[in-house]
Amino acid sequence: MEIALRSATKAFLAARAEERMNAMQRVALQIIAGIDMDKLQVASREEKRHARGRISRLIKRERLKGVNGHWSYDLNRHIALKQALDRLGD
C-alpha cells in the first residue's frame, strides 16, 4: 500500500511538473513571438510550416545577437525558441 502510494505520488508530481513546464513554454512563445502553441497543435500543415520558419528566423536572429555580444541577447529566450521549435517538430 505504501509503495503504491509513493509511486502514485511521484507520478502525480511528475505530471504536474510537466504541465507546468508546458504552460511556461506556451506563455513564453506567446510573449516572444506572438504564436499560440495551442492553436498550432490543431493547425494545418501549411500553418505549422510557416510557424516553424518564423521560429527558425527568430532563433537565427537571437543567435546572431549572442555571437555579436549584443546587449539585448537573452539565453532564456534562445532556449525557449529552440524548445518551441522542437515541440512543433513533433
PDB file of N, CA and C in Angstrom:
ATOM      1  N   MET A   1       0.820  -1.191   0.000  1.00  0.00           N
ATOM      2  CA  MET A   1       0.000   0.000   0.000  1.00  0.00           C
ATOM      3  C   MET A   1       0.865   1.257   0.000  1.00  0.00           C
ATOM      4  N   GLU A   2       1.851   1.274   0.879  1.00  0.00           N
ATOM      5  CA  GLU A   2       2.714   2.449   0.997  1.00  0.00           C
ATOM      6  C   GLU A   2       3.547   2.646  -0.274  1.00  0.00           C
ATOM      7  N   ILE A   3       4.011   1.563  -0.858  1.00  0.00           N
ATOM      8  CA  ILE A   3       4.804   1.641  -2.085  1.00  0.00           C
ATOM      9  C   ILE A   3       3.947   2.158  -3.233  1.00  0.00           C
ATOM     10  N   ALA A   4       2.728   1.679  -3.325  1.00  0.00           N
ATOM     11  CA  ALA A   4       1.815   2.138  -4.376  1.00  0.00           C
ATOM     12  C   ALA A   4       1.505   3.619  -4.211  1.00  0.00           C
ATOM     13  N   LEU A   5       1.332   4.046  -2.972  1.00  0.00           N
ATOM     14  CA  LEU A   5       1.049   5.456  -2.700  1.00  0.00           C
ATOM     15  C   LEU A   5       2.241   6.330  -3.077  1.00  0.00           C
ATOM     16  N   ARG A   6       3.435   5.871  -2.757  1.00  0.00           N
ATOM     17  CA  ARG A   6       4.637   6.636  -3.116  1.00  0.00           C
ATOM     18  C   ARG A   6       4.802   6.731  -4.629  1.00  0.00           C
ATOM     19  N   SER A   7       4.588   5.630  -5.326  1.00  0.00           N
ATOM     20  CA  SER A   7       4.734   5.661  -6.785  1.00  0.00           C
ATOM     21  C   SER A   7       3.649   6.527  -7.419  1.00  0.00           C
ATOM     22  N   ALA A   8       2.439   6.490  -6.874  1.00  0.00           N
ATOM     23  CA  ALA A   8       1.366   7.351  -7.387  1.00  0.00           C
ATOM     24  C   ALA A   8       1.688   8.819  -7.133  1.00  0.00           C
ATOM     25  N   THR A   9       2.264   9.099  -5.980  1.00  0.00           N
ATOM     26  CA  THR A   9       2.651  10.473  -5.651  1.00  0.00           C
ATOM     27  C   THR A   9       3.731  10.966  -6.605  1.00  0.00           C
ATOM     28  N   LYS A  10       4.726  10.135  -6.861  1.00  0.00           N
ATOM     29  CA  LYS A  10       5.795  10.513  -7.788  1.00  0.00           C
ATOM     30  C   LYS A  10       5.248  10.753  -9.186  1.00  0.00           C
ATOM     31  N   ALA A  11       4.355   9.888  -9.630  1.00  0.00           N
ATOM     32  CA  ALA A  11       3.760  10.049 -10.962  1.00  0.00           C
ATOM     33  C   ALA A  11       2.941  11.330 -11.042  1.00  0.00           C
ATOM     34  N   PHE A  12       2.185  11.618  -9.997  1.00  0.00           N
ATOM     35  CA  PHE A  12       1.378  12.835  -9.964  1.00  0.00           C
ATOM     36  C   PHE A  12       2.261  14.077  -9.997  1.00  0.00           C
ATOM     37  N   LEU A  13       3.299  14.094  -9.184  1.00  0.00           N
ATOM     38  CA  LEU A  13       4.195  15.251  -9.144  1.00  0.00           C
ATOM     39  C   LEU A  13       4.936  15.433 -10.463  1.00  0.00           C
ATOM     40  N   ALA A  14       5.315  14.334 -11.096  1.00  0.00           N
ATOM     41  CA  ALA A  14       5.980  14.427 -12.399  1.00  0.00           C
ATOM     42  C   ALA A  14       5.027  14.984 -13.451  1.00  0.00           C
ATOM     43  N   ALA A  15       3.780  14.543 -13.416  1.00  0.00           N
ATOM     44  CA  ALA A  15       2.790  15.057 -14.373  1.00  0.00           C
ATOM     45  C   ALA A  15       2.533  16.539 -14.146  1.00  0.00           C
ATOM     46  N   ARG A  16       2.464  16.949 -12.901  1.00  0.00           N
ATOM     47  CA  ARG A  16       2.254  18.371 -12.587  1.00  0.00           C
ATOM     48  C   ARG A  16       3.447  19.211 -13.048  1.00  0.00           C
ATOM     49  N   ALA A  17       4.651  18.708 -12.859  1.00  0.00           N
ATOM     50  CA  ALA A  17       5.841  19.435 -13.302  1.00  0.00           C
ATOM     51  C   ALA A  17       5.851  19.566 -14.822  1.00  0.00           C
ATOM     52  N   GLU A  18       5.451  18.514 -15.521  1.00  0.00           N
ATOM     53  CA  GLU A  18       5.389  18.547 -16.983  1.00  0.00           C
ATOM     54  C   GLU A  18       4.335  19.546 -17.456  1.00  0.00           C
ATOM     55  N   GLU A  19       3.174  19.552 -16.815  1.00  0.00           N
ATOM     56  CA  GLU A  19       2.123  20.513 -17.168  1.00  0.00           C
ATOM     57  C   GLU A  19       2.593  21.948 -16.937  1.00  0.00           C
ATOM     58  N   ARG A  20       3.296  22.150 -15.843  1.00  0.00           N
ATOM     59  CA  ARG A  20       3.809  23.489 -15.519  1.00  0.00           C
ATOM     60  C   ARG A  20       4.822  23.944 -16.564  1.00  0.00           C
ATOM     61  N   MET A  21       5.711  23.052 -16.962  1.00  0.00           N
ATOM     62  CA  MET A  21       6.711  23.386 -17.972  1.00  0.00           C
ATOM     63  C   MET A  21       6.038  23.699 -19.305  1.00  0.00           C
ATOM     64  N   ASN A  22       5.049  22.918 -19.678  1.00  0.00           N
ATOM     65  CA  ASN A  22       4.325  23.168 -20.924  1.00  0.00           C
ATOM     66  C   ASN A  22       3.646  24.529 -20.900  1.00  0.00           C
ATOM     67  N   ALA A  23       3.025  24.859 -19.778  1.00  0.00           N
ATOM     68  CA  ALA A  23       2.349  26.150 -19.661  1.00  0.00           C
ATOM     69  C   ALA A  23       3.352  27.296 -19.755  1.00  0.00           C
ATOM     70  N   MET A  24       4.491  27.149 -19.115  1.00  0.00           N
ATOM     71  CA  MET A  24       5.513  28.197 -19.171  1.00  0.00           C
ATOM     72  C   MET A  24       6.022  28.371 -20.594  1.00  0.00           C
ATOM     73  N   GLN A  25       6.209  27.279 -21.317  1.00  0.00           N
ATOM     74  CA  GLN A  25       6.683  27.363 -22.691  1.00  0.00           C
ATOM     75  C   GLN A  25       5.648  28.006 -23.600  1.00  0.00           C
ATOM     76  N   ARG A  26       4.372  27.679 -23.393  1.00  0.00           N
ATOM     77  CA  ARG A  26       3.319  28.290 -24.208  1.00  0.00           C
ATOM     78  C   ARG A  26       3.264  29.794 -23.987  1.00  0.00           C
ATOM     79  N   VAL A  27       3.346  30.214 -22.732  1.00  0.00           N
ATOM     80  CA  VAL A  27       3.303  31.643 -22.423  1.00  0.00           C
ATOM     81  C   VAL A  27       4.533  32.342 -22.983  1.00  0.00           C
ATOM     82  N   ALA A  28       5.694  31.739 -22.834  1.00  0.00           N
ATOM     83  CA  ALA A  28       6.922  32.351 -23.349  1.00  0.00           C
ATOM     84  C   ALA A  28       6.858  32.522 -24.858  1.00  0.00           C
ATOM     85  N   LEU A  29       6.366  31.532 -25.564  1.00  0.00           N
ATOM     86  CA  LEU A  29       6.269  31.632 -27.020  1.00  0.00           C
ATOM     87  C   LEU A  29       5.262  32.702 -27.422  1.00  0.00           C
ATOM     88  N   GLN A  30       4.179  32.808 -26.679  1.00  0.00           N
ATOM     89  CA  GLN A  30       3.183  33.842 -26.970  1.00  0.00           C
ATOM     90  C   GLN A  30       3.788  35.228 -26.778  1.00  0.00           C
ATOM     91  N   ILE A  31       4.562  35.403 -25.726  1.00  0.00           N
ATOM     92  CA  ILE A  31       5.169  36.706 -25.449  1.00  0.00           C
ATOM     93  C   ILE A  31       6.282  37.017 -26.445  1.00  0.00           C
ATOM     94  N   ILE A  32       7.144  36.057 -26.706  1.00  0.00           N
ATOM     95  CA  ILE A  32       8.307  36.287 -27.564  1.00  0.00           C
ATOM     96  C   ILE A  32       7.918  36.463 -29.026  1.00  0.00           C
ATOM     97  N   ALA A  33       7.079  35.564 -29.530  1.00  0.00           N
ATOM     98  CA  ALA A  33       6.826  35.536 -30.970  1.00  0.00           C
ATOM     99  C   ALA A  33       5.376  35.799 -31.352  1.00  0.00           C
ATOM    100  N   GLY A  34       4.493  35.891 -30.380  1.00  0.00           N
ATOM    101  CA  GLY A  34       3.090  36.097 -30.698  1.00  0.00           C
ATOM    102  C   GLY A  34       2.444  34.883 -31.342  1.00  0.00           C
ATOM    103  N   ILE A  35       2.973  33.707 -31.044  1.00  0.00           N
ATOM    104  CA  ILE A  35       2.463  32.460 -31.622  1.00  0.00           C
ATOM    105  C   ILE A  35       1.757  31.670 -30.525  1.00  0.00           C
ATOM    106  N   ASP A  36       0.541  31.239 -30.806  1.00  0.00           N
ATOM    107  CA  ASP A  36      -0.236  30.452 -29.854  1.00  0.00           C
ATOM    108  C   ASP A  36      -0.015  28.967 -30.146  1.00  0.00           C
ATOM    109  N   MET A  37       0.703  28.306 -29.257  1.00  0.00           N
ATOM    110  CA  MET A  37       1.057  26.901 -29.460  1.00  0.00           C
ATOM    111  C   MET A  37      -0.180  26.002 -29.465  1.00  0.00           C
ATOM    112  N   ASP A  38      -1.187  26.343 -28.673  1.00  0.00           N
ATOM    113  CA  ASP A  38      -2.401  25.523 -28.642  1.00  0.00           C
ATOM    114  C   ASP A  38      -3.097  25.520 -30.003  1.00  0.00           C
ATOM    115  N   LYS A  39      -3.141  26.665 -30.655  1.00  0.00           N
ATOM    116  CA  LYS A  39      -3.760  26.742 -31.978  1.00  0.00           C
ATOM    117  C   LYS A  39      -2.911  26.016 -33.019  1.00  0.00           C
ATOM    118  N   LEU A  40      -1.598  26.070 -32.840  1.00  0.00           N
ATOM    119  CA  LEU A  40      -0.716  25.402 -33.800  1.00  0.00           C
ATOM    120  C   LEU A  40      -0.826  23.885 -33.729  1.00  0.00           C
ATOM    121  N   GLN A  41      -1.161  23.357 -32.568  1.00  0.00           N
ATOM    122  CA  GLN A  41      -1.276  21.905 -32.432  1.00  0.00           C
ATOM    123  C   GLN A  41      -2.383  21.343 -33.317  1.00  0.00           C
ATOM    124  N   VAL A  42      -3.405  22.158 -33.597  1.00  0.00           N
ATOM    125  CA  VAL A  42      -4.514  21.698 -34.436  1.00  0.00           C
ATOM    126  C   VAL A  42      -4.528  22.394 -35.793  1.00  0.00           C
ATOM    127  N   ALA A  43      -3.470  23.136 -36.102  1.00  0.00           N
ATOM    128  CA  ALA A  43      -3.406  23.894 -37.351  1.00  0.00           C
ATOM    129  C   ALA A  43      -3.071  22.980 -38.527  1.00  0.00           C
ATOM    130  N   SER A  44      -3.240  23.544 -39.713  1.00  0.00           N
ATOM    131  CA  SER A  44      -2.920  22.795 -40.926  1.00  0.00           C
ATOM    132  C   SER A  44      -1.409  22.651 -41.071  1.00  0.00           C
ATOM    133  N   ARG A  45      -1.019  21.776 -41.960  1.00  0.00           N
ATOM    134  CA  ARG A  45       0.403  21.536 -42.202  1.00  0.00           C
ATOM    135  C   ARG A  45       1.102  22.809 -42.694  1.00  0.00           C
ATOM    136  N   GLU A  46       0.418  23.574 -43.529  1.00  0.00           N
ATOM    137  CA  GLU A  46       0.988  24.809 -44.069  1.00  0.00           C
ATOM    138  C   GLU A  46       1.207  25.847 -42.965  1.00  0.00           C
ATOM    139  N   GLU A  47       0.253  25.968 -42.054  1.00  0.00           N
ATOM    140  CA  GLU A  47       0.404  26.912 -40.947  1.00  0.00           C
ATOM    141  C   GLU A  47       1.554  26.500 -40.032  1.00  0.00           C
ATOM    142  N   LYS A  48       1.687  25.201 -39.802  1.00  0.00           N
ATOM    143  CA  LYS A  48       2.794  24.718 -38.972  1.00  0.00           C
ATOM    144  C   LYS A  48       4.132  24.994 -39.651  1.00  0.00           C
ATOM    145  N   ARG A  49       4.189  24.790 -40.966  1.00  0.00           N
ATOM    146  CA  ARG A  49       5.421  25.058 -41.704  1.00  0.00           C
ATOM    147  C   ARG A  49       5.780  26.537 -41.612  1.00  0.00           C
ATOM    148  N   HIS A  50       4.783  27.391 -41.747  1.00  0.00           N
ATOM    149  CA  HIS A  50       5.004  28.834 -41.655  1.00  0.00           C
ATOM    150  C   HIS A  50       5.507  29.215 -40.251  1.00  0.00           C
ATOM    151  N   ALA A  51       4.916  28.635 -39.222  1.00  0.00           N
ATOM    152  CA  ALA A  51       5.331  28.925 -37.845  1.00  0.00           C
ATOM    153  C   ALA A  51       6.748  28.423 -37.585  1.00  0.00           C
ATOM    154  N   ARG A  52       7.080  27.220 -38.101  1.00  0.00           N
ATOM    155  CA  ARG A  52       8.452  26.711 -37.934  1.00  0.00           C
ATOM    156  C   ARG A  52       9.461  27.644 -38.591  1.00  0.00           C
ATOM    157  N   GLY A  53       9.122  28.156 -39.780  1.00  0.00           N
ATOM    158  CA  GLY A  53      10.013  29.098 -40.450  1.00  0.00           C
ATOM    159  C   GLY A  53      10.188  30.377 -39.659  1.00  0.00           C
ATOM    160  N   ARG A  54       9.103  30.867 -39.101  1.00  0.00           N
ATOM    161  CA  ARG A  54       9.176  32.097 -38.308  1.00  0.00           C
ATOM    162  C   ARG A  54      10.021  31.896 -37.052  1.00  0.00           C
ATOM    163  N   ILE A  55       9.803  30.776 -36.370  1.00  0.00           N
ATOM    164  CA  ILE A  55      10.591  30.493 -35.167  1.00  0.00           C
ATOM    165  C   ILE A  55      12.055  30.288 -35.531  1.00  0.00           C
ATOM    166  N   SER A  56      12.329  29.630 -36.647  1.00  0.00           N
ATOM    167  CA  SER A  56      13.720  29.438 -37.089  1.00  0.00           C
ATOM    168  C   SER A  56      14.400  30.776 -37.343  1.00  0.00           C
ATOM    169  N   ARG A  57      13.683  31.700 -37.972  1.00  0.00           N
ATOM    170  CA  ARG A  57      14.256  33.031 -38.208  1.00  0.00           C
ATOM    171  C   ARG A  57      14.525  33.759 -36.893  1.00  0.00           C
ATOM    172  N   LEU A  58      13.618  33.620 -35.931  1.00  0.00           N
ATOM    173  CA  LEU A  58      13.832  34.250 -34.629  1.00  0.00           C
ATOM    174  C   LEU A  58      15.041  33.647 -33.916  1.00  0.00           C
ATOM    175  N   ILE A  59      15.224  32.337 -34.051  1.00  0.00           N
ATOM    176  CA  ILE A  59      16.387  31.686 -33.440  1.00  0.00           C
ATOM    177  C   ILE A  59      17.671  32.192 -34.086  1.00  0.00           C
ATOM    178  N   LYS A  60      17.680  32.292 -35.414  1.00  0.00           N
ATOM    179  CA  LYS A  60      18.874  32.791 -36.107  1.00  0.00           C
ATOM    180  C   LYS A  60      19.197  34.212 -35.670  1.00  0.00           C
ATOM    181  N   ARG A  61      18.160  35.027 -35.556  1.00  0.00           N
ATOM    182  CA  ARG A  61      18.372  36.408 -35.132  1.00  0.00           C
ATOM    183  C   ARG A  61      18.929  36.465 -33.706  1.00  0.00           C
ATOM    184  N   GLU A  62      18.391  35.614 -32.839  1.00  0.00           N
ATOM    185  CA  GLU A  62      18.861  35.578 -31.455  1.00  0.00           C
ATOM    186  C   GLU A  62      20.297  35.050 -31.396  1.00  0.00           C
ATOM    187  N   ARG A  63      20.611  34.062 -32.231  1.00  0.00           N
ATOM    188  CA  ARG A  63      21.970  33.518 -32.273  1.00  0.00           C
ATOM    189  C   ARG A  63      22.967  34.591 -32.698  1.00  0.00           C
ATOM    190  N   LEU A  64      22.591  35.383 -33.702  1.00  0.00           N
ATOM    191  CA  LEU A  64      23.474  36.460 -34.152  1.00  0.00           C
ATOM    192  C   LEU A  64      23.702  37.491 -33.055  1.00  0.00           C
ATOM    193  N   LYS A  65      22.669  37.787 -32.292  1.00  0.00           N
ATOM    194  CA  LYS A  65      22.836  38.706 -31.164  1.00  0.00           C
ATOM    195  C   LYS A  65      23.866  38.155 -30.184  1.00  0.00           C
ATOM    196  N   GLY A  66      23.783  36.855 -29.905  1.00  0.00           N
ATOM    197  CA  GLY A  66      24.713  36.243 -28.967  1.00  0.00           C
ATOM    198  C   GLY A  66      26.137  36.244 -29.481  1.00  0.00           C
ATOM    199  N   VAL A  67      26.310  35.912 -30.749  1.00  0.00           N
ATOM    200  CA  VAL A  67      27.647  35.867 -31.343  1.00  0.00           C
ATOM    201  C   VAL A  67      28.284  37.252 -31.354  1.00  0.00           C
ATOM    202  N   ASN A  68      27.467  38.260 -31.632  1.00  0.00           N
ATOM    203  CA  ASN A  68      27.985  39.625 -31.708  1.00  0.00           C
ATOM    204  C   ASN A  68      28.062  40.316 -30.354  1.00  0.00           C
ATOM    205  N   GLY A  69      27.650  39.638 -29.300  1.00  0.00           N
ATOM    206  CA  GLY A  69      27.721  40.221 -27.968  1.00  0.00           C
ATOM    207  C   GLY A  69      26.748  41.372 -27.759  1.00  0.00           C
ATOM    208  N   HIS A  70      25.638  41.326 -28.442  1.00  0.00           N
ATOM    209  CA  HIS A  70      24.655  42.398 -28.326  1.00  0.00           C
ATOM    210  C   HIS A  70      24.063  42.421 -26.920  1.00  0.00           C
ATOM    211  N   TRP A  71      23.801  43.613 -26.412  1.00  0.00           N
ATOM    212  CA  TRP A  71      23.317  43.759 -25.044  1.00  0.00           C
ATOM    213  C   TRP A  71      21.938  43.145 -24.832  1.00  0.00           C
ATOM    214  N   SER A  72      21.148  43.010 -25.888  1.00  0.00           N
ATOM    215  CA  SER A  72      19.783  42.511 -25.716  1.00  0.00           C
ATOM    216  C   SER A  72      19.669  40.993 -25.882  1.00  0.00           C
ATOM    217  N   TYR A  73      20.806  40.306 -26.066  1.00  0.00           N
ATOM    218  CA  TYR A  73      20.756  38.849 -26.196  1.00  0.00           C
ATOM    219  C   TYR A  73      20.262  38.240 -24.889  1.00  0.00           C
ATOM    220  N   ASP A  74      19.371  37.271 -25.008  1.00  0.00           N
ATOM    221  CA  ASP A  74      18.819  36.606 -23.832  1.00  0.00           C
ATOM    222  C   ASP A  74      18.878  35.095 -24.046  1.00  0.00           C
ATOM    223  N   LEU A  75      19.689  34.432 -23.266  1.00  0.00           N
ATOM    224  CA  LEU A  75      19.840  32.984 -23.388  1.00  0.00           C
ATOM    225  C   LEU A  75      18.515  32.268 -23.133  1.00  0.00           C
ATOM    226  N   ASN A  76      17.744  32.754 -22.177  1.00  0.00           N
ATOM    227  CA  ASN A  76      16.454  32.121 -21.886  1.00  0.00           C
ATOM    228  C   ASN A  76      15.502  32.219 -23.075  1.00  0.00           C
ATOM    229  N   ARG A  77      15.516  33.342 -23.778  1.00  0.00           N
ATOM    230  CA  ARG A  77      14.675  33.500 -24.968  1.00  0.00           C
ATOM    231  C   ARG A  77      15.135  32.523 -26.047  1.00  0.00           C
ATOM    232  N   HIS A  78      16.449  32.410 -26.204  1.00  0.00           N
ATOM    233  CA  HIS A  78      17.028  31.495 -27.184  1.00  0.00           C
ATOM    234  C   HIS A  78      16.591  30.053 -26.878  1.00  0.00           C
ATOM    235  N   ILE A  79      16.682  29.663 -25.629  1.00  0.00           N
ATOM    236  CA  ILE A  79      16.292  28.315 -25.220  1.00  0.00           C
ATOM    237  C   ILE A  79      14.799  28.093 -25.436  1.00  0.00           C
ATOM    238  N   ALA A  80      13.981  29.081 -25.079  1.00  0.00           N
ATOM    239  CA  ALA A  80      12.528  28.952 -25.239  1.00  0.00           C
ATOM    240  C   ALA A  80      12.148  28.784 -26.707  1.00  0.00           C
ATOM    241  N   LEU A  81      12.806  29.518 -27.577  1.00  0.00           N
ATOM    242  CA  LEU A  81      12.522  29.392 -29.006  1.00  0.00           C
ATOM    243  C   LEU A  81      12.916  28.010 -29.520  1.00  0.00           C
ATOM    244  N   LYS A  82      14.063  27.516 -29.085  1.00  0.00           N
ATOM    245  CA  LYS A  82      14.518  26.190 -29.514  1.00  0.00           C
ATOM    246  C   LYS A  82      13.571  25.102 -29.019  1.00  0.00           C
ATOM    247  N   GLN A  83      13.122  25.222 -27.774  1.00  0.00           N
ATOM    248  CA  GLN A  83      12.186  24.241 -27.237  1.00  0.00           C
ATOM    249  C   GLN A  83      10.864  24.272 -27.996  1.00  0.00           C
ATOM    250  N   ALA A  84      10.416  25.472 -28.347  1.00  0.00           N
ATOM    251  CA  ALA A  84       9.167  25.596 -29.111  1.00  0.00           C
ATOM    252  C   ALA A  84       9.320  24.968 -30.489  1.00  0.00           C
ATOM    253  N   LEU A  85      10.462  25.191 -31.119  1.00  0.00           N
ATOM    254  CA  LEU A  85      10.703  24.595 -32.433  1.00  0.00           C
ATOM    255  C   LEU A  85      10.738  23.074 -32.336  1.00  0.00           C
ATOM    256  N   ASP A  86      11.388  22.559 -31.303  1.00  0.00           N
ATOM    257  CA  ASP A  86      11.432  21.107 -31.103  1.00  0.00           C
ATOM    258  C   ASP A  86      10.035  20.540 -30.870  1.00  0.00           C
ATOM    259  N   ARG A  87       9.258  21.222 -30.067  1.00  0.00           N
ATOM    260  CA  ARG A  87       7.907  20.745 -29.769  1.00  0.00           C
ATOM    261  C   ARG A  87       7.026  20.782 -31.017  1.00  0.00           C
ATOM    262  N   LEU A  88       7.192  21.803 -31.828  1.00  0.00           N
ATOM    263  CA  LEU A  88       6.392  21.930 -33.041  1.00  0.00           C
ATOM    264  C   LEU A  88       6.787  20.879 -34.069  1.00  0.00           C
ATOM    265  N   GLY A  89       8.045  20.444 -34.015  1.00  0.00           N
ATOM    266  CA  GLY A  89       8.516  19.433 -34.949  1.00  0.00           C
ATOM    267  C   GLY A  89       7.936  18.060 -34.693  1.00  0.00           C
ATOM    268  N   ASP A  90       7.415  17.827 -33.497  1.00  0.00           N
ATOM    269  CA  ASP A  90       6.841  16.513 -33.157  1.00  0.00           C
ATOM    270  C   ASP A  90       5.578  16.219 -33.910  1.00  0.00           C
TER     271      ASP A  90
END
